Amino acid sequence: MSIDYSDAVRRLDDGIERFFPEAKDLSDWMAANPELSGEEFKTTDKIVQLLAKEGYDVERPYGGLPTAFKASCGKGDPKVAVMVECDALPGLGHGCGHCVHGSMSVLAGLGLIGLADDLGGSIHVIGTPAEETDGAKCSMAESGLFDGYDLAIMIHSCGGFNTTAFRSLAMDGYRFTFKGRASHAAGAPWEGKNALNGVQLMFHAVDMLRQHTIPEARMHGVFDYGGAAPNIVPDRAVCRFEFRAPTRSYLDGLTSCCLDCARGAALATGTEVSWEKFESSFDEMIPNQPGESMIGEIYSELGIPFDPPVDPTGSTDVGNVSQRCPALQPLLAITSDRYALHTVEFAESVTGPEAHEALLLGAKVIGRAVIKTILDRDLAESMRQVIPKK
């Protein structure tokens, strides 16, 4: 059975309105019961039960990740993925809004379930855990789980504005461990090798590197451990850095320079240094102009005002997905206040009436994007042309 866009949207909205109370309850429950990255067991239990009850075939665990899942309906091509985030922040709960926009994706999936056979193609609702830490989408993309999709989409919550796309920076995160030799800091300091000096010198070297990097590059770090007591020359010191840049190719060179800073600091202080990644490497989000134009049309259709995409500041594991298939992450305000993410104020907004209204609107945006991608083969092909050739 063939179906046109207007009929599909009417049926989508009917389904979304019908399932909205359950999605609202899910979002509020998540806000009251936050689970940290990789620990989203109760949350994913609720989500997959809700999807399975309405007819989705659920695979969990998925991709070797215990809190990841894939819920499928329809069959064949085109193939669209609706991504779900649901992890919270230590001490802040859902201060990044995952309870709201994760429930948007679930609600969109519920609204689409009755359309899959008539639309043709496959709709997959994919649970992607641990965005706030290791970024499960990175390993999922690397293992090919997003290859072959015509679109992977989710919305991210924000405060005070809407936009059709999120621009992001590529990012590497490294932990550096300097090892020296302990001695009495007053009695025989000359017998020691100060590992803390190695960390300090690395920070100075990285700071000096800034004048030779592009303005968009970022290098920021913290001391994790600097010694046991002030009267002991530290024989071990640890720091962590995140390095960011607009493209993976530039970041690879920047990271290499920062590793040289660590080597040089160790050489100058007579210490030894080793390093390891403490989180997955995030790639930059590939701008997809045809897809972003589609989101703009949908925003206008729903009466949602929006601003142009802003310059990249943060990083997201959706960037890794965008390297493998067309991927979109529009931003949608869940509060009229321009609160920053990861703040108490934003966390307190996720259960308000504006957040519930955004949940409903966001599901309609995602659902429309899925319908357009499946029905408009020219649009789908134009979005695919943006993807780097692997």
Protein backbone atom coordinates (compact mmCIF):
# COMPACT_ATOMS: atom_id res chain seq x y z
CA MET A 1 0.00 0.00 0.00
CA SER A 2 1.40 3.39 -0.99
CA ILE A 3 1.02 6.44 1.24
CA ASP A 4 1.67 10.13 0.68
CA TYR A 5 3.36 12.56 3.04
CA SER A 6 0.24 14.36 4.28
CA ASP A 7 -1.56 11.12 5.12
CA ALA A 8 1.54 9.71 6.79
CA VAL A 9 1.95 12.84 8.93
CA ARG A 10 -1.70 12.78 9.97
CA ARG A 11 -1.36 9.18 11.14
CA LEU A 12 1.99 9.92 12.78
CA ASP A 13 0.55 12.79 14.81
CA ASP A 14 -2.44 10.69 15.85
CA GLY A 15 -0.08 8.03 17.15
CA ILE A 16 2.18 10.53 18.90
CA GLU A 17 -0.76 12.19 20.63
CA ARG A 18 -2.04 8.77 21.73
CA PHE A 19 1.29 7.68 23.21
CA PHE A 20 2.26 11.08 24.62
CA PRO A 21 1.06 10.39 28.20
CA GLU A 22 3.26 7.29 28.39
CA ALA A 23 6.26 9.16 26.97
CA LYS A 24 5.73 12.04 29.41
CA ASP A 25 5.59 9.58 32.30
CA LEU A 26 8.77 7.92 31.01
CA SER A 27 10.62 11.25 30.86
CA ASP A 28 9.53 12.28 34.35
CA TRP A 29 10.40 8.83 35.74
CA MET A 30 13.88 9.09 34.21
CA ALA A 31 14.32 12.53 35.78
CA ALA A 32 13.37 11.14 39.19
CA ASN A 33 15.48 7.99 38.77
CA PRO A 34 18.70 9.05 37.01
CA GLU A 35 21.14 6.33 36.02
CA LEU A 36 24.76 7.05 35.16
CA SER A 37 26.54 6.15 31.94
CA GLY A 38 26.69 2.42 31.34
CA GLU A 39 24.32 1.78 34.25
CA GLU A 40 21.03 2.56 32.46
CA PHE A 41 19.52 -0.87 33.18
CA LYS A 42 16.17 0.13 34.72
CA THR A 43 15.70 2.90 32.16
CA THR A 44 16.32 0.65 29.17
CA ASP A 45 14.05 -1.99 30.75
CA LYS A 46 11.21 0.53 30.70
CA ILE A 47 11.97 1.71 27.17
CA VAL A 48 12.24 -1.71 25.54
CA GLN A 49 9.13 -2.96 27.34
CA LEU A 50 7.19 0.01 25.99
CA LEU A 51 8.46 -0.52 22.43
CA ALA A 52 8.00 -4.30 22.49
CA LYS A 53 4.45 -3.95 23.80
CA GLU A 54 3.51 -1.96 20.69
CA GLY A 55 5.07 -4.39 18.21
CA TYR A 56 8.79 -3.68 17.93
CA ASP A 57 11.19 -6.62 17.75
CA VAL A 58 13.82 -5.88 20.39
CA GLU A 59 17.45 -7.01 20.48
CA ARG A 60 19.24 -6.44 23.78
CA PRO A 61 22.13 -6.36 24.55
CA TYR A 62 23.19 -4.84 21.26
CA GLY A 63 26.69 -4.41 19.88
CA GLY A 64 28.15 -6.09 22.94
CA LEU A 65 26.83 -3.31 25.20
CA PRO A 66 24.51 -4.44 28.02
CA THR A 67 22.40 -1.27 28.04
CA ALA A 68 22.26 -0.77 24.27
CA PHE A 69 19.32 -2.06 22.25
CA LYS A 70 17.84 -2.13 18.77
CA ALA A 71 14.06 -2.15 18.34
CA SER A 72 12.98 -2.90 14.75
CA CYS A 73 9.86 -2.61 12.67
CA GLY A 74 9.32 -2.81 8.92
CA LYS A 75 11.76 -4.47 6.55
CA GLY A 76 14.11 -3.74 3.68
CA ASP A 77 15.33 -0.37 2.44
CA PRO A 78 15.28 2.57 3.00
CA LYS A 79 16.55 2.17 6.56
CA VAL A 80 16.35 4.83 9.27
CA ALA A 81 17.71 4.84 12.84
CA VAL A 82 16.17 6.88 15.65
CA MET A 83 18.79 7.18 18.40
CA VAL A 84 17.94 7.19 22.12
CA GLU A 85 20.10 8.65 24.89
CA CYS A 86 19.16 8.08 28.52
CA ASP A 87 22.22 8.39 30.79
CA ALA A 88 22.48 11.02 33.52
CA LEU A 89 25.25 13.10 35.12
CA PRO A 90 26.90 12.51 38.51
CA GLY A 91 25.41 14.92 41.04
CA LEU A 92 23.22 16.70 38.48
CA GLY A 93 20.86 13.97 37.36
CA HIS A 94 19.42 14.82 33.95
CA GLY A 95 21.20 18.16 33.65
CA CYS A 96 21.79 17.44 29.96
CA GLY A 97 18.14 16.70 29.22
CA HIS A 98 18.55 13.09 28.11
CA CYS A 99 15.32 12.17 29.89
CA VAL A 100 13.41 14.56 27.62
CA HIS A 101 15.07 14.01 24.26
CA GLY A 102 15.50 10.28 24.88
CA SER A 103 11.75 10.10 25.41
CA MET A 104 11.25 12.17 22.23
CA SER A 105 12.94 9.41 20.25
CA VAL A 106 10.87 6.73 21.97
CA LEU A 107 7.66 8.67 21.31
CA ALA A 108 8.60 9.14 17.65
CA GLY A 109 9.18 5.39 17.39
CA LEU A 110 5.79 4.67 18.92
CA GLY A 111 4.10 7.09 16.53
CA LEU A 112 5.78 5.42 13.54
CA ILE A 113 5.01 1.79 14.42
CA GLY A 114 1.64 1.81 12.65
CA LEU A 115 3.14 3.34 9.50
CA ALA A 116 6.11 1.09 8.84
CA ASP A 117 4.42 -1.37 6.50
CA ASP A 118 2.72 1.34 4.44
CA LEU A 119 5.83 3.50 4.22
CA GLY A 120 8.08 0.63 3.22
CA GLY A 121 11.58 0.30 4.56
CA SER A 122 12.86 -0.29 8.08
CA ILE A 123 12.65 1.83 11.21
CA HIS A 124 15.06 1.06 14.05
CA VAL A 125 14.96 2.70 17.47
CA ILE A 126 18.51 2.30 18.80
CA GLY A 127 19.51 2.78 22.42
CA THR A 128 22.96 4.40 22.61
CA PRO A 129 24.25 4.43 26.21
CA ALA A 130 26.99 6.33 28.02
CA GLU A 131 27.03 9.52 25.92
CA GLU A 132 28.30 11.47 28.92
CA THR A 133 31.43 9.34 29.35
CA ASP A 134 32.80 6.87 26.84
CA GLY A 135 30.27 7.61 24.09
CA ALA A 136 28.86 4.24 23.05
CA LYS A 137 28.02 5.56 19.59
CA CYS A 138 31.78 5.65 18.92
CA SER A 139 32.27 1.90 19.30
CA MET A 140 28.91 1.20 17.67
CA ALA A 141 29.88 3.26 14.63
CA GLU A 142 33.37 1.76 14.52
CA SER A 143 31.92 -1.76 14.47
CA GLY A 144 29.67 -0.86 11.53
CA LEU A 145 26.32 -0.82 13.32
CA PHE A 146 25.31 2.42 11.57
CA ASP A 147 26.61 1.49 8.11
CA GLY A 148 23.92 1.34 5.44
CA TYR A 149 21.42 3.66 7.10
CA ASP A 150 19.80 6.39 5.03
CA LEU A 151 19.48 8.52 8.17
CA ALA A 152 20.33 8.36 11.86
CA ILE A 153 18.58 11.07 13.86
CA MET A 154 17.98 12.33 17.37
CA ILE A 155 17.21 15.73 18.86
CA HIS A 156 19.20 17.21 21.73
CA SER A 157 17.61 19.33 24.42
CA CYS A 158 18.82 22.88 24.94
CA GLY A 159 17.77 26.09 26.63
CA GLY A 160 16.29 29.17 24.99
CA PHE A 161 16.78 28.52 21.27
CA ASN A 162 16.22 26.03 18.46
CA THR A 163 18.46 25.23 15.53
CA THR A 164 18.51 22.69 12.72
CA ALA A 165 21.92 21.20 13.50
CA PHE A 166 24.61 20.84 16.13
CA ARG A 167 28.17 21.55 15.07
CA SER A 168 30.78 19.68 17.10
CA LEU A 169 34.53 19.38 17.56
CA ALA A 170 36.59 16.23 17.24
CA MET A 171 38.04 15.26 20.63
CA ASP A 172 40.73 13.02 22.13
CA GLY A 173 40.97 12.40 25.88
CA TYR A 174 44.27 11.23 27.40
CA ARG A 175 45.49 10.35 30.89
CA PHE A 176 49.21 11.01 31.51
CA THR A 177 51.14 9.30 34.31
CA PHE A 178 54.57 10.66 35.24
CA LYS A 179 56.85 8.48 37.36
CA GLY A 180 59.90 9.71 39.26
CA ARG A 181 61.76 8.77 42.44
CA ALA A 182 60.67 9.59 45.99
CA SER A 183 62.99 11.14 48.56
CA HIS A 184 62.77 13.41 51.60
CA ALA A 185 61.83 16.84 50.29
CA ALA A 186 63.94 18.63 52.93
CA GLY A 187 66.61 16.09 53.86
CA ALA A 188 67.70 14.87 50.43
CA PRO A 189 65.64 16.42 47.62
CA TRP A 190 68.55 16.01 45.21
CA GLU A 191 68.04 12.26 45.36
CA GLY A 192 64.48 12.54 44.08
CA LYS A 193 62.94 12.84 40.64
CA ASN A 194 59.83 15.01 40.90
CA ALA A 195 56.93 13.54 38.92
CA LEU A 196 54.77 16.54 39.80
CA ASN A 197 57.31 18.80 38.09
CA GLY A 198 56.80 16.70 34.97
CA VAL A 199 53.05 17.33 35.03
CA GLN A 200 53.57 21.04 35.72
CA LEU A 201 56.01 21.37 32.86
CA MET A 202 53.64 19.56 30.51
CA PHE A 203 50.92 22.10 31.35
CA HIS A 204 53.32 24.96 30.60
CA ALA A 205 54.37 23.34 27.32
CA VAL A 206 50.76 22.86 26.23
CA ASP A 207 49.99 26.46 27.17
CA MET A 208 52.90 27.65 25.01
CA LEU A 209 51.58 25.56 22.14
CA ARG A 210 48.32 27.57 22.06
CA GLN A 211 49.89 30.49 20.16
CA HIS A 212 50.61 28.10 17.28
CA THR A 213 47.14 26.54 16.98
CA ILE A 214 44.05 27.70 15.14
CA PRO A 215 41.54 29.71 17.23
CA GLU A 216 38.99 26.87 17.23
CA ALA A 217 41.38 24.37 18.86
CA ARG A 218 40.95 23.58 22.54
CA MET A 219 43.37 22.00 25.06
CA HIS A 220 42.18 21.72 28.65
CA GLY A 221 43.40 19.57 31.51
CA VAL A 222 43.24 18.79 35.23
CA PHE A 223 45.60 17.39 37.86
CA ASP A 224 44.33 14.05 39.16
CA TYR A 225 47.16 13.25 41.56
CA GLY A 226 50.21 15.22 42.61
CA GLY A 227 51.80 13.37 45.51
CA ALA A 228 51.16 11.97 48.98
CA ALA A 229 52.64 14.64 51.27
CA PRO A 230 54.57 17.92 50.93
CA ASN A 231 57.66 16.49 52.64
CA ILE A 232 58.02 13.73 50.03
CA VAL A 233 59.28 14.35 46.52
CA PRO A 234 56.36 12.98 44.44
CA ASP A 235 57.30 9.79 42.64
CA ARG A 236 53.98 9.70 40.78
CA ALA A 237 51.72 12.36 39.31
CA VAL A 238 48.72 12.07 37.02
CA CYS A 239 46.85 14.51 34.81
CA ARG A 240 44.15 14.30 32.17
CA PHE A 241 43.72 16.39 29.04
CA GLU A 242 41.07 16.75 26.38
CA PHE A 243 42.22 18.03 23.00
CA ARG A 244 39.66 19.34 20.50
CA ALA A 245 39.66 20.68 16.95
CA PRO A 246 37.17 21.25 14.10
CA THR A 247 38.36 18.22 12.12
CA ARG A 248 39.85 14.83 12.92
CA SER A 249 42.75 15.46 10.52
CA TYR A 250 43.78 18.66 12.34
CA LEU A 251 43.23 17.08 15.75
CA ASP A 252 45.51 14.15 14.96
CA GLY A 253 48.36 16.60 14.39
CA LEU A 254 47.48 18.64 17.48
CA THR A 255 47.33 15.54 19.68
CA SER A 256 50.72 14.45 18.36
CA CYS A 257 52.19 17.82 19.37
CA CYS A 258 50.68 17.52 22.86
CA LEU A 259 52.17 14.05 23.27
CA ASP A 260 55.52 15.61 22.38
CA CYS A 261 54.90 18.13 25.19
CA ALA A 262 54.57 15.21 27.60
CA ARG A 263 57.74 13.57 26.27
CA GLY A 264 59.68 16.80 26.55
CA ALA A 265 58.44 17.45 30.10
CA ALA A 266 59.55 13.99 31.18
CA LEU A 267 62.96 14.41 29.56
CA ALA A 268 63.51 17.81 31.19
CA THR A 269 62.57 16.57 34.68
CA GLY A 270 64.32 13.22 34.54
CA THR A 271 61.03 11.36 34.90
CA GLU A 272 59.19 8.82 32.79
CA VAL A 273 55.78 9.33 31.23
CA SER A 274 53.14 7.00 29.83
CA TRP A 275 49.67 7.74 28.52
CA GLU A 276 46.39 6.09 27.66
CA LYS A 277 43.01 7.19 26.38
CA PHE A 278 40.47 7.52 29.19
CA GLU A 279 37.49 7.90 26.86
CA SER A 280 36.59 7.19 23.25
CA SER A 281 37.82 9.56 20.58
CA PHE A 282 34.96 11.65 19.18
CA ASP A 283 34.96 12.70 15.53
CA GLU A 284 33.48 15.98 14.34
CA MET A 285 29.89 16.18 13.18
CA ILE A 286 29.73 16.18 9.37
CA PRO A 287 27.36 19.02 8.32
CA ASN A 288 24.61 17.60 6.11
CA GLN A 289 23.05 20.52 4.26
CA PRO A 290 20.22 18.57 2.57
CA GLY A 291 19.25 17.06 5.91
CA GLU A 292 19.50 20.36 7.75
CA SER A 293 17.29 22.01 5.12
CA MET A 294 14.76 19.22 5.67
CA ILE A 295 14.76 19.92 9.42
CA GLY A 296 14.27 23.63 8.70
CA GLU A 297 11.22 22.81 6.57
CA ILE A 298 9.82 20.63 9.35
CA TYR A 299 10.41 23.31 11.98
CA SER A 300 8.57 25.81 9.80
CA GLU A 301 5.76 23.33 9.19
CA LEU A 302 5.31 22.94 12.96
CA GLY A 303 5.68 26.66 13.70
CA ILE A 304 9.01 26.26 15.52
CA PRO A 305 11.24 29.37 15.23
CA PHE A 306 14.90 28.55 14.72
CA ASP A 307 18.33 30.12 14.47
CA PRO A 308 21.21 29.18 12.14
CA PRO A 309 23.59 26.54 13.53
CA VAL A 310 26.20 28.02 15.85
CA ASP A 311 29.96 27.47 15.64
CA PRO A 312 31.17 24.25 17.27
CA THR A 313 32.05 24.36 20.96
CA GLY A 314 31.48 20.90 22.43
CA SER A 315 31.82 17.33 21.21
CA THR A 316 29.38 14.47 20.71
CA ASP A 317 29.55 10.81 19.77
CA VAL A 318 26.91 11.50 17.12
CA GLY A 319 29.87 12.91 15.19
CA ASN A 320 31.23 9.38 14.81
CA VAL A 321 27.86 8.23 13.46
CA SER A 322 27.89 11.09 10.93
CA GLN A 323 31.13 9.69 9.50
CA ARG A 324 29.35 6.43 8.59
CA CYS A 325 25.84 7.49 7.51
CA PRO A 326 23.77 10.68 7.19
CA ALA A 327 23.23 11.85 10.78
CA LEU A 328 21.26 14.77 12.18
CA GLN A 329 21.09 16.23 15.68
CA PRO A 330 18.87 19.31 15.73
CA LEU A 331 18.58 21.30 18.97
CA LEU A 332 15.19 22.00 20.53
CA ALA A 333 14.54 24.23 23.54
CA ILE A 334 12.90 22.54 26.52
CA THR A 335 12.82 25.85 28.40
CA SER A 336 12.54 29.45 27.24
CA ASP A 337 15.39 30.38 29.58
CA ARG A 338 18.83 30.23 28.00
CA TYR A 339 20.23 27.92 30.65
CA ALA A 340 23.46 26.14 29.85
CA LEU A 341 23.56 22.36 29.77
CA HIS A 342 25.06 20.58 32.79
CA THR A 343 23.70 23.13 35.27
CA VAL A 344 21.30 22.86 38.21
CA GLU A 345 18.92 25.28 36.48
CA PHE A 346 18.72 23.14 33.35
CA ALA A 347 18.25 19.98 35.42
CA GLU A 348 15.31 21.60 37.19
CA SER A 349 13.70 22.43 33.83
CA VAL A 350 13.36 18.88 32.50
CA THR A 351 10.03 18.17 34.21
CA GLY A 352 8.41 21.54 33.52
CA PRO A 353 5.48 22.18 31.16
CA GLU A 354 7.78 23.62 28.48
CA ALA A 355 9.82 20.41 28.53
CA HIS A 356 6.67 18.33 28.09
CA GLU A 357 5.58 20.50 25.17
CA ALA A 358 9.03 20.12 23.61
CA LEU A 359 8.85 16.35 24.06
CA LEU A 360 5.68 16.28 21.98
CA LEU A 361 7.03 18.65 19.32
CA GLY A 362 10.38 16.89 19.11
CA ALA A 363 8.75 13.53 18.46
CA LYS A 364 6.80 15.11 15.60
CA VAL A 365 10.02 16.55 14.14
CA ILE A 366 11.79 13.18 14.27
CA GLY A 367 8.79 11.33 12.88
CA ARG A 368 8.47 13.73 9.96
CA ALA A 369 12.18 13.42 9.18
CA VAL A 370 11.85 9.64 9.07
CA ILE A 371 8.83 9.85 6.77
CA LYS A 372 10.49 12.32 4.40
CA THR A 373 13.66 10.22 4.21
CA ILE A 374 11.75 7.05 3.38
CA LEU A 375 9.34 8.61 0.88
CA ASP A 376 11.76 10.97 -0.91
CA ARG A 377 14.50 8.86 -2.51
CA ASP A 378 16.15 11.93 -4.07
CA LEU A 379 16.45 13.53 -0.62
CA ALA A 380 17.92 10.35 0.82
CA GLU A 381 20.46 10.14 -1.98
CA SER A 382 21.48 13.79 -1.57
CA MET A 383 22.06 13.23 2.16
CA ARG A 384 24.20 10.17 1.42
CA GLN A 385 26.46 12.17 -0.89
CA VAL A 386 27.80 14.12 2.11
CA ILE A 387 29.24 11.08 3.88
CA PRO A 388 33.04 10.58 3.67
CA LYS A 389 34.04 7.65 1.53
CA LYS A 390 35.35 4.94 3.86
